[in-house]
């Protein structure tokens, strides 16, 4: 599980979300309220969908300018499946696979406490499969 989670508020500009993804080399940014309650999630796919205008000929500097005014809440996926800190790893992995997700937020008492990604499962697998005698 990744902690702390990179988050923004619902009115954050999309340009800030894109910047966080690029700077932190991540594919998901959680949208939370002041109490760290999960409101939604923006994935790199959500960003791509929001940029369709630039793919159809809108100049990139114009798209960048528009990203200043697009708010995270307008782009985020609102219905997000979550898991709890005590959710068994197999159950969380099956949630990722069965829904085609790249990550699943971890919540406790309604608040975001971590993010579980496919990369976390790769790391876990490497640890479990490594020969401790090497």
Protein backbone atom coordinates (compact mmCIF):
# COMPACT_ATOMS: atom_id res chain seq x y z
CA UNK A 1 0.00 0.00 0.00
CA UNK A 2 1.25 3.45 -0.88
CA UNK A 3 1.22 6.04 1.88
CA UNK A 4 0.83 8.95 1.97
CA UNK A 5 -1.54 9.25 -0.97
CA UNK A 6 -1.19 12.15 -3.40
CA UNK A 7 -4.48 14.07 -3.13
CA UNK A 8 -6.13 17.27 -4.30
CA UNK A 9 -9.38 19.02 -3.48
CA UNK A 10 -12.40 18.93 -5.78
CA UNK A 11 -11.85 22.44 -7.15
CA UNK A 12 -8.16 21.92 -7.94
CA UNK A 13 -7.29 22.73 -11.55
CA UNK A 14 -6.73 19.77 -13.84
CA UNK A 15 -3.35 21.27 -14.73
CA UNK A 16 -2.28 20.70 -11.08
CA UNK A 17 -3.46 17.07 -11.22
CA UNK A 18 -1.49 16.49 -14.43
CA UNK A 19 1.56 18.11 -12.83
CA UNK A 20 1.32 15.82 -9.79
CA UNK A 21 1.05 12.75 -12.02
CA UNK A 22 4.11 13.80 -14.03
CA UNK A 23 6.23 14.87 -11.04
CA UNK A 24 5.43 11.80 -8.92
CA UNK A 25 5.32 9.28 -11.78
CA UNK A 26 1.84 8.10 -10.81
CA UNK A 27 -1.30 7.20 -12.75
CA UNK A 28 -3.95 8.12 -10.15
CA UNK A 29 -4.71 11.11 -7.94
CA UNK A 30 -7.34 10.91 -5.21
CA UNK A 31 -9.86 13.72 -4.78
CA UNK A 32 -10.68 14.32 -1.11
CA UNK A 33 -12.54 16.84 1.03
CA UNK A 34 -11.06 18.71 4.00
CA UNK A 35 -11.58 15.66 6.24
CA UNK A 36 -9.70 13.34 3.84
CA UNK A 37 -12.95 11.65 2.81
CA UNK A 38 -12.63 10.19 -0.67
CA UNK A 39 -14.78 11.99 -3.24
CA UNK A 40 -13.36 10.45 -6.39
CA UNK A 41 -10.30 9.45 -8.36
CA UNK A 42 -8.65 10.83 -11.49
CA UNK A 43 -6.70 8.31 -13.53
CA UNK A 44 -4.40 8.96 -16.45
CA UNK A 45 -7.23 7.65 -18.65
CA UNK A 46 -9.59 10.28 -17.24
CA UNK A 47 -7.01 12.93 -18.14
CA UNK A 48 -6.71 11.56 -21.67
CA UNK A 49 -10.48 11.65 -22.11
CA UNK A 50 -10.56 15.25 -20.92
CA UNK A 51 -7.94 16.18 -23.51
CA UNK A 52 -9.87 14.94 -26.55
CA UNK A 53 -9.99 18.50 -27.89
CA UNK A 54 -6.21 18.61 -28.16
CA UNK A 55 -6.23 15.34 -30.08
CA UNK A 56 -8.62 16.81 -32.61
CA UNK A 57 -6.48 19.81 -33.44
CA UNK A 58 -6.72 22.24 -30.55
CA UNK A 59 -3.24 23.74 -30.13
CA UNK A 60 -1.46 22.34 -27.05
CA UNK A 61 -0.87 25.79 -25.52
CA UNK A 62 -4.60 26.42 -25.79
CA UNK A 63 -5.36 23.08 -24.10
CA UNK A 64 -2.89 23.92 -21.32
CA UNK A 65 -4.69 27.22 -20.78
CA UNK A 66 -8.06 25.43 -20.64
CA UNK A 67 -6.67 22.97 -18.05
CA UNK A 68 -6.35 25.92 -15.65
CA UNK A 69 -10.12 26.24 -15.60
CA UNK A 70 -11.14 22.58 -15.62
CA UNK A 71 -11.74 21.45 -12.03
CA UNK A 72 -10.86 18.00 -10.71
CA UNK A 73 -14.48 17.32 -9.72
CA UNK A 74 -15.56 17.61 -13.37
CA UNK A 75 -13.10 14.96 -14.54
CA UNK A 76 -12.95 12.52 -11.61
CA UNK A 77 -14.60 9.14 -11.44
CA UNK A 78 -17.08 9.45 -8.59
CA UNK A 79 -18.08 5.84 -8.02
CA UNK A 80 -14.88 4.27 -6.78
CA UNK A 81 -14.60 0.82 -5.22
CA UNK A 82 -12.51 0.81 -2.07
CA UNK A 83 -10.95 -1.67 0.33
CA UNK A 84 -10.10 -1.52 4.03
CA UNK A 85 -6.68 -1.88 5.67
CA UNK A 86 -7.66 -5.39 6.84
CA UNK A 87 -9.01 -6.54 3.46
CA UNK A 88 -7.16 -9.74 2.51
CA UNK A 89 -4.57 -9.21 -0.24
CA UNK A 90 -6.23 -11.81 -2.47
CA UNK A 91 -9.60 -10.06 -2.24
CA UNK A 92 -8.02 -6.68 -3.09
CA UNK A 93 -6.13 -8.23 -6.04
CA UNK A 94 -9.32 -9.82 -7.34
CA UNK A 95 -11.05 -6.42 -7.11
CA UNK A 96 -8.31 -4.89 -9.26
CA UNK A 97 -8.42 -7.69 -11.81
CA UNK A 98 -12.17 -8.18 -12.08
CA UNK A 99 -12.84 -4.48 -12.65
CA UNK A 100 -9.75 -3.69 -14.71
CA UNK A 101 -8.55 -1.13 -12.18
CA UNK A 102 -4.97 0.07 -11.83
CA UNK A 103 -5.49 0.89 -8.17
CA UNK A 104 -7.97 0.76 -5.35
CA UNK A 105 -8.14 3.32 -2.53
CA UNK A 106 -7.82 2.08 1.04
CA UNK A 107 -10.24 3.74 3.47
CA UNK A 108 -10.65 3.50 7.22
CA UNK A 109 -13.59 5.08 9.05
CA UNK A 110 -14.52 6.81 5.80
CA UNK A 111 -11.12 8.47 5.37
CA UNK A 112 -8.50 7.75 2.74
CA UNK A 113 -5.44 6.12 4.34
CA UNK A 114 -3.63 4.58 1.38
CA UNK A 115 -3.69 3.46 -2.22
CA UNK A 116 -3.16 -0.12 -3.35
CA UNK A 117 -1.92 -0.45 -6.92
CA UNK A 118 -0.92 -3.20 -9.30
CA UNK A 119 2.68 -2.16 -8.65
CA UNK A 120 2.20 -2.92 -4.96
CA UNK A 121 1.21 -6.47 -5.87
CA UNK A 122 4.27 -6.85 -8.09
CA UNK A 123 6.47 -5.74 -5.17
CA UNK A 124 4.63 -8.11 -2.83
CA UNK A 125 5.08 -10.99 -5.29
CA UNK A 126 8.80 -10.30 -5.61
CA UNK A 127 9.19 -10.38 -1.82
CA UNK A 128 7.19 -13.60 -1.49
CA UNK A 129 9.00 -15.33 -4.37
CA UNK A 130 12.51 -14.21 -3.48
CA UNK A 131 14.82 -16.82 -2.07
CA UNK A 132 15.92 -15.56 1.37
CA UNK A 133 19.06 -17.71 1.06
CA UNK A 134 20.46 -15.63 -1.81
